C-alpha cells in the first residue's frame, strides 16, 4: 500500500461562532488543508489541529497530518 501524502493544515486565529452568531472572541483553529503531493485543497473541520491528530512540523513550522 502506498504511503499517503502529508496534509498541511492551514491555521489561524478566527472569531468563535456560537449558535450561528459570530463572537468577538478568537480561537486558533484549522481553516483547511493542502495535500502536499498534489497541492489540492482538503476540507477539514474547524477545530484545533491537535484534535485532528496533527503534529507541528519543525521543518515547515506548520501543523501536518501524516499517515
PDB file of N, CA and C in Angstrom:
ATOM      1  N   UNK A   1       0.843  -1.182   0.000  1.00  0.00           N
ATOM      2  CA  UNK A   1       0.000   0.000   0.000  1.00  0.00           C
ATOM      3  C   UNK A   1       0.888   1.245   0.000  1.00  0.00           C
ATOM      4  N   UNK A   2       0.566   2.208  -0.838  1.00  0.00           N
ATOM      5  CA  UNK A   2       1.335   3.441  -0.901  1.00  0.00           C
ATOM      6  C   UNK A   2       1.097   4.292   0.331  1.00  0.00           C
ATOM      7  N   UNK A   3       2.138   5.002   0.727  1.00  0.00           N
ATOM      8  CA  UNK A   3       2.014   5.923   1.854  1.00  0.00           C
ATOM      9  C   UNK A   3       1.225   7.157   1.405  1.00  0.00           C
ATOM     10  N   UNK A   4       0.311   7.601   2.246  1.00  0.00           N
ATOM     11  CA  UNK A   4      -0.477   8.780   1.932  1.00  0.00           C
ATOM     12  C   UNK A   4       0.377  10.032   2.041  1.00  0.00           C
ATOM     13  N   UNK A   5       0.068  11.014   1.213  1.00  0.00           N
ATOM     14  CA  UNK A   5       0.790  12.289   1.262  1.00  0.00           C
ATOM     15  C   UNK A   5       0.436  13.027   2.545  1.00  0.00           C
ATOM     16  N   UNK A   6       1.345  13.867   2.990  1.00  0.00           N
ATOM     17  CA  UNK A   6       1.066  14.694   4.152  1.00  0.00           C
ATOM     18  C   UNK A   6       0.050  15.766   3.773  1.00  0.00           C
ATOM     19  N   UNK A   7      -0.745  16.145   4.746  1.00  0.00           N
ATOM     20  CA  UNK A   7      -1.679  17.258   4.579  1.00  0.00           C
ATOM     21  C   UNK A   7      -1.210  18.377   5.496  1.00  0.00           C
ATOM     22  N   UNK A   8      -0.920  19.514   4.910  1.00  0.00           N
ATOM     23  CA  UNK A   8      -0.502  20.687   5.672  1.00  0.00           C
ATOM     24  C   UNK A   8      -1.760  21.412   6.121  1.00  0.00           C
ATOM     25  N   UNK A   9      -1.886  21.629   7.421  1.00  0.00           N
ATOM     26  CA  UNK A   9      -3.057  22.318   7.968  1.00  0.00           C
ATOM     27  C   UNK A   9      -2.849  23.823   7.887  1.00  0.00           C
ATOM     28  N   UNK A  10      -3.791  24.512   7.282  1.00  0.00           N
ATOM     29  CA  UNK A  10      -3.772  25.964   7.234  1.00  0.00           C
ATOM     30  C   UNK A  10      -4.563  26.445   8.449  1.00  0.00           C
ATOM     31  N   UNK A  11      -3.892  27.142   9.338  1.00  0.00           N
ATOM     32  CA  UNK A  11      -4.487  27.523  10.618  1.00  0.00           C
ATOM     33  C   UNK A  11      -4.491  29.040  10.781  1.00  0.00           C
ATOM     34  N   UNK A  12      -5.219  29.483  11.773  1.00  0.00           N
ATOM     35  CA  UNK A  12      -5.223  30.901  12.081  1.00  0.00           C
ATOM     36  C   UNK A  12      -6.117  31.190  13.274  1.00  0.00           C
ATOM     37  N   UNK A  13      -6.121  32.444  13.654  1.00  0.00           N
ATOM     38  CA  UNK A  13      -6.976  32.909  14.745  1.00  0.00           C
ATOM     39  C   UNK A  13      -8.248  33.471  14.124  1.00  0.00           C
ATOM     40  N   UNK A  14      -9.372  32.800  14.385  1.00  0.00           N
ATOM     41  CA  UNK A  14     -10.651  33.168  13.802  1.00  0.00           C
ATOM     42  C   UNK A  14     -11.664  33.448  14.906  1.00  0.00           C
ATOM     43  N   UNK A  15     -12.635  34.297  14.586  1.00  0.00           N
ATOM     44  CA  UNK A  15     -13.699  34.575  15.553  1.00  0.00           C
ATOM     45  C   UNK A  15     -14.470  33.294  15.863  1.00  0.00           C
ATOM     46  N   UNK A  16     -14.785  33.122  17.142  1.00  0.00           N
ATOM     47  CA  UNK A  16     -15.617  31.993  17.545  1.00  0.00           C
ATOM     48  C   UNK A  16     -17.029  32.230  17.027  1.00  0.00           C
ATOM     49  N   UNK A  17     -17.705  31.132  16.719  1.00  0.00           N
ATOM     50  CA  UNK A  17     -19.106  31.202  16.313  1.00  0.00           C
ATOM     51  C   UNK A  17     -19.890  30.293  17.245  1.00  0.00           C
ATOM     52  N   UNK A  18     -20.934  30.852  17.850  1.00  0.00           N
ATOM     53  CA  UNK A  18     -21.764  30.080  18.766  1.00  0.00           C
ATOM     54  C   UNK A  18     -23.211  30.277  18.377  1.00  0.00           C
ATOM     55  N   UNK A  19     -23.895  29.181  18.125  1.00  0.00           N
ATOM     56  CA  UNK A  19     -25.306  29.218  17.729  1.00  0.00           C
ATOM     57  C   UNK A  19     -25.524  30.126  16.528  1.00  0.00           C
ATOM     58  N   UNK A  20     -24.577  30.098  15.575  1.00  0.00           N
ATOM     59  CA  UNK A  20     -24.708  30.892  14.360  1.00  0.00           C
ATOM     60  C   UNK A  20     -24.364  32.361  14.516  1.00  0.00           C
ATOM     61  N   UNK A  21     -23.906  32.752  15.700  1.00  0.00           N
ATOM     62  CA  UNK A  21     -23.568  34.155  15.960  1.00  0.00           C
ATOM     63  C   UNK A  21     -22.055  34.284  16.078  1.00  0.00           C
ATOM     64  N   UNK A  22     -21.473  35.208  15.325  1.00  0.00           N
ATOM     65  CA  UNK A  22     -20.038  35.457  15.383  1.00  0.00           C
ATOM     66  C   UNK A  22     -19.713  36.272  16.621  1.00  0.00           C
ATOM     67  N   UNK A  23     -18.806  35.766  17.419  1.00  0.00           N
ATOM     68  CA  UNK A  23     -18.391  36.435  18.651  1.00  0.00           C
ATOM     69  C   UNK A  23     -17.090  37.195  18.419  1.00  0.00           C
ATOM     70  N   UNK A  24     -16.760  38.109  19.310  1.00  0.00           N
ATOM     71  CA  UNK A  24     -15.511  38.857  19.179  1.00  0.00           C
ATOM     72  C   UNK A  24     -14.323  38.049  19.699  1.00  0.00           C
ATOM     73  N   UNK A  25     -14.578  37.000  20.446  1.00  0.00           N
ATOM     74  CA  UNK A  25     -13.519  36.142  20.984  1.00  0.00           C
ATOM     75  C   UNK A  25     -12.900  35.313  19.857  1.00  0.00           C
ATOM     76  N   UNK A  26     -11.574  35.170  19.859  1.00  0.00           N
ATOM     77  CA  UNK A  26     -10.854  34.433  18.815  1.00  0.00           C
ATOM     78  C   UNK A  26     -10.445  33.053  19.333  1.00  0.00           C
ATOM     79  N   UNK A  27     -10.282  32.123  18.378  1.00  0.00           N
ATOM     80  CA  UNK A  27      -9.770  30.797  18.704  1.00  0.00           C
ATOM     81  C   UNK A  27      -8.844  30.334  17.580  1.00  0.00           C
ATOM     82  N   UNK A  28      -7.834  29.539  17.942  1.00  0.00           N
ATOM     83  CA  UNK A  28      -6.861  29.028  16.978  1.00  0.00           C
ATOM     84  C   UNK A  28      -7.391  27.714  16.416  1.00  0.00           C
ATOM     85  N   UNK A  29      -7.754  27.709  15.129  1.00  0.00           N
ATOM     86  CA  UNK A  29      -8.344  26.528  14.515  1.00  0.00           C
ATOM     87  C   UNK A  29      -7.804  26.321  13.097  1.00  0.00           C
ATOM     88  N   UNK A  30      -8.106  25.160  12.553  1.00  0.00           N
ATOM     89  CA  UNK A  30      -7.766  24.824  11.170  1.00  0.00           C
ATOM     90  C   UNK A  30      -8.799  25.471  10.248  1.00  0.00           C
ATOM     91  N   UNK A  31      -8.323  26.081   9.177  1.00  0.00           N
ATOM     92  CA  UNK A  31      -9.209  26.609   8.146  1.00  0.00           C
ATOM     93  C   UNK A  31      -9.476  25.525   7.108  1.00  0.00           C
ATOM     94  N   UNK A  32      -8.411  24.911   6.602  1.00  0.00           N
ATOM     95  CA  UNK A  32      -8.479  23.841   5.613  1.00  0.00           C
ATOM     96  C   UNK A  32      -7.101  23.208   5.537  1.00  0.00           C
ATOM     97  N   UNK A  33      -6.915  22.272   4.639  1.00  0.00           N
ATOM     98  CA  UNK A  33      -5.619  21.629   4.467  1.00  0.00           C
ATOM     99  C   UNK A  33      -5.192  21.671   3.011  1.00  0.00           C
ATOM    100  N   UNK A  34      -3.903  21.399   2.801  1.00  0.00           N
ATOM    101  CA  UNK A  34      -3.340  21.306   1.458  1.00  0.00           C
ATOM    102  C   UNK A  34      -2.611  19.964   1.358  1.00  0.00           C
ATOM    103  N   UNK A  35      -2.974  19.156   0.360  1.00  0.00           N
ATOM    104  CA  UNK A  35      -2.284  17.900   0.101  1.00  0.00           C
ATOM    105  C   UNK A  35      -0.908  18.261  -0.440  1.00  0.00           C
ATOM    106  N   UNK A  36       0.133  17.891   0.279  1.00  0.00           N
ATOM    107  CA  UNK A  36       1.494  18.287  -0.087  1.00  0.00           C
ATOM    108  C   UNK A  36       1.923  17.724  -1.442  1.00  0.00           C
ATOM    109  N   UNK A  37       1.421  16.561  -1.797  1.00  0.00           N
ATOM    110  CA  UNK A  37       1.820  15.916  -3.049  1.00  0.00           C
ATOM    111  C   UNK A  37       1.130  16.528  -4.267  1.00  0.00           C
ATOM    112  N   UNK A  38      -0.170  16.809  -4.152  1.00  0.00           N
ATOM    113  CA  UNK A  38      -0.942  17.284  -5.308  1.00  0.00           C
ATOM    114  C   UNK A  38      -1.196  18.783  -5.303  1.00  0.00           C
ATOM    115  N   UNK A  39      -1.084  19.418  -4.119  1.00  0.00           N
ATOM    116  CA  UNK A  39      -1.393  20.838  -3.998  1.00  0.00           C
ATOM    117  C   UNK A  39      -2.876  21.120  -3.896  1.00  0.00           C
ATOM    118  N   UNK A  40      -3.705  20.072  -3.863  1.00  0.00           N
ATOM    119  CA  UNK A  40      -5.147  20.262  -3.793  1.00  0.00           C
ATOM    120  C   UNK A  40      -5.599  20.576  -2.375  1.00  0.00           C
ATOM    121  N   UNK A  41      -6.675  21.359  -2.293  1.00  0.00           N
ATOM    122  CA  UNK A  41      -7.263  21.707  -1.004  1.00  0.00           C
ATOM    123  C   UNK A  41      -7.963  20.490  -0.408  1.00  0.00           C
ATOM    124  N   UNK A  42      -7.867  20.359   0.899  1.00  0.00           N
ATOM    125  CA  UNK A  42      -8.525  19.289   1.639  1.00  0.00           C
ATOM    126  C   UNK A  42      -9.461  19.944   2.645  1.00  0.00           C
ATOM    127  N   UNK A  43     -10.707  19.525   2.642  1.00  0.00           N
ATOM    128  CA  UNK A  43     -11.679  20.072   3.597  1.00  0.00           C
ATOM    129  C   UNK A  43     -11.435  19.427   4.955  1.00  0.00           C
ATOM    130  N   UNK A  44     -11.274  20.259   5.974  1.00  0.00           N
ATOM    131  CA  UNK A  44     -11.051  19.788   7.338  1.00  0.00           C
ATOM    132  C   UNK A  44     -11.999  20.515   8.276  1.00  0.00           C
ATOM    133  N   UNK A  45     -12.338  19.900   9.403  1.00  0.00           N
ATOM    134  CA  UNK A  45     -13.199  20.581  10.372  1.00  0.00           C
ATOM    135  C   UNK A  45     -12.464  21.749  11.031  1.00  0.00           C
ATOM    136  N   UNK A  46     -13.205  22.729  11.450  1.00  0.00           N
ATOM    137  CA  UNK A  46     -12.644  23.937  12.065  1.00  0.00           C
ATOM    138  C   UNK A  46     -12.462  23.707  13.565  1.00  0.00           C
ATOM    139  N   UNK A  47     -11.402  22.961  13.885  1.00  0.00           N
ATOM    140  CA  UNK A  47     -11.052  22.647  15.274  1.00  0.00           C
ATOM    141  C   UNK A  47      -9.558  22.888  15.452  1.00  0.00           C
ATOM    142  N   UNK A  48      -9.095  22.842  16.688  1.00  0.00           N
ATOM    143  CA  UNK A  48      -7.660  22.958  16.935  1.00  0.00           C
ATOM    144  C   UNK A  48      -6.960  21.789  16.244  1.00  0.00           C
ATOM    145  N   UNK A  49      -5.806  22.018  15.611  1.00  0.00           N
ATOM    146  CA  UNK A  49      -5.133  20.946  14.867  1.00  0.00           C
ATOM    147  C   UNK A  49      -4.851  19.688  15.692  1.00  0.00           C
ATOM    148  N   UNK A  50      -4.632  19.831  16.981  1.00  0.00           N
ATOM    149  CA  UNK A  50      -4.340  18.656  17.810  1.00  0.00           C
ATOM    150  C   UNK A  50      -5.545  17.715  17.876  1.00  0.00           C
ATOM    151  N   UNK A  51      -6.768  18.235  17.745  1.00  0.00           N
ATOM    152  CA  UNK A  51      -7.958  17.377  17.735  1.00  0.00           C
ATOM    153  C   UNK A  51      -7.991  16.472  16.510  1.00  0.00           C
ATOM    154  N   UNK A  52      -7.296  16.862  15.456  1.00  0.00           N
ATOM    155  CA  UNK A  52      -7.221  16.056  14.240  1.00  0.00           C
ATOM    156  C   UNK A  52      -6.044  15.086  14.271  1.00  0.00           C
ATOM    157  N   UNK A  53      -5.218  15.203  15.301  1.00  0.00           N
ATOM    158  CA  UNK A  53      -4.014  14.377  15.380  1.00  0.00           C
ATOM    159  C   UNK A  53      -2.833  14.986  14.657  1.00  0.00           C
ATOM    160  N   UNK A  54      -2.946  16.252  14.262  1.00  0.00           N
ATOM    161  CA  UNK A  54      -1.857  16.934  13.551  1.00  0.00           C
ATOM    162  C   UNK A  54      -0.703  17.220  14.507  1.00  0.00           C
ATOM    163  N   UNK A  55       0.479  17.144  13.972  1.00  0.00           N
ATOM    164  CA  UNK A  55       1.703  17.432  14.728  1.00  0.00           C
ATOM    165  C   UNK A  55       2.396  18.633  14.109  1.00  0.00           C
ATOM    166  N   UNK A  56       3.032  19.442  14.930  1.00  0.00           N
ATOM    167  CA  UNK A  56       3.766  20.599  14.436  1.00  0.00           C
ATOM    168  C   UNK A  56       5.056  20.130  13.784  1.00  0.00           C
ATOM    169  N   UNK A  57       5.228  20.446  12.511  1.00  0.00           N
ATOM    170  CA  UNK A  57       6.430  20.079  11.765  1.00  0.00           C
ATOM    171  C   UNK A  57       7.498  21.141  11.999  1.00  0.00           C
ATOM    172  N   UNK A  58       8.654  20.716  12.485  1.00  0.00           N
ATOM    173  CA  UNK A  58       9.731  21.676  12.737  1.00  0.00           C
ATOM    174  C   UNK A  58      10.320  22.201  11.426  1.00  0.00           C
ATOM    175  N   UNK A  59      10.253  21.400  10.365  1.00  0.00           N
ATOM    176  CA  UNK A  59      10.812  21.845   9.089  1.00  0.00           C
ATOM    177  C   UNK A  59       9.895  22.832   8.366  1.00  0.00           C
ATOM    178  N   UNK A  60       8.584  22.674   8.522  1.00  0.00           N
ATOM    179  CA  UNK A  60       7.628  23.571   7.859  1.00  0.00           C
ATOM    180  C   UNK A  60       7.108  24.668   8.784  1.00  0.00           C
ATOM    181  N   UNK A  61       7.238  24.448  10.102  1.00  0.00           N
ATOM    182  CA  UNK A  61       6.655  25.330  11.098  1.00  0.00           C
ATOM    183  C   UNK A  61       5.141  25.457  10.897  1.00  0.00           C
ATOM    184  N   UNK A  62       4.530  24.345  10.525  1.00  0.00           N
ATOM    185  CA  UNK A  62       3.079  24.227  10.308  1.00  0.00           C
ATOM    186  C   UNK A  62       2.626  22.895  10.899  1.00  0.00           C
ATOM    187  N   UNK A  63       1.348  22.816  11.220  1.00  0.00           N
ATOM    188  CA  UNK A  63       0.781  21.537  11.642  1.00  0.00           C
ATOM    189  C   UNK A  63       0.554  20.657  10.427  1.00  0.00           C
ATOM    190  N   UNK A  64       0.881  19.368  10.541  1.00  0.00           N
ATOM    191  CA  UNK A  64       0.692  18.451   9.428  1.00  0.00           C
ATOM    192  C   UNK A  64      -0.001  17.169   9.922  1.00  0.00           C
ATOM    193  N   UNK A  65      -0.766  16.581   9.010  1.00  0.00           N
ATOM    194  CA  UNK A  65      -1.380  15.280   9.231  1.00  0.00           C
ATOM    195  C   UNK A  65      -0.595  14.265   8.424  1.00  0.00           C
ATOM    196  N   UNK A  66      -0.123  13.232   9.075  1.00  0.00           N
ATOM    197  CA  UNK A  66       0.650  12.195   8.391  1.00  0.00           C
ATOM    198  C   UNK A  66       0.019  10.853   8.709  1.00  0.00           C
ATOM    199  N   UNK A  67       0.220   9.909   7.794  1.00  0.00           N
ATOM    200  CA  UNK A  67      -0.263   8.558   7.988  1.00  0.00           C
ATOM    201  C   UNK A  67       0.524   7.865   9.069  1.00  0.00           C
TER     202      UNK A  67
END
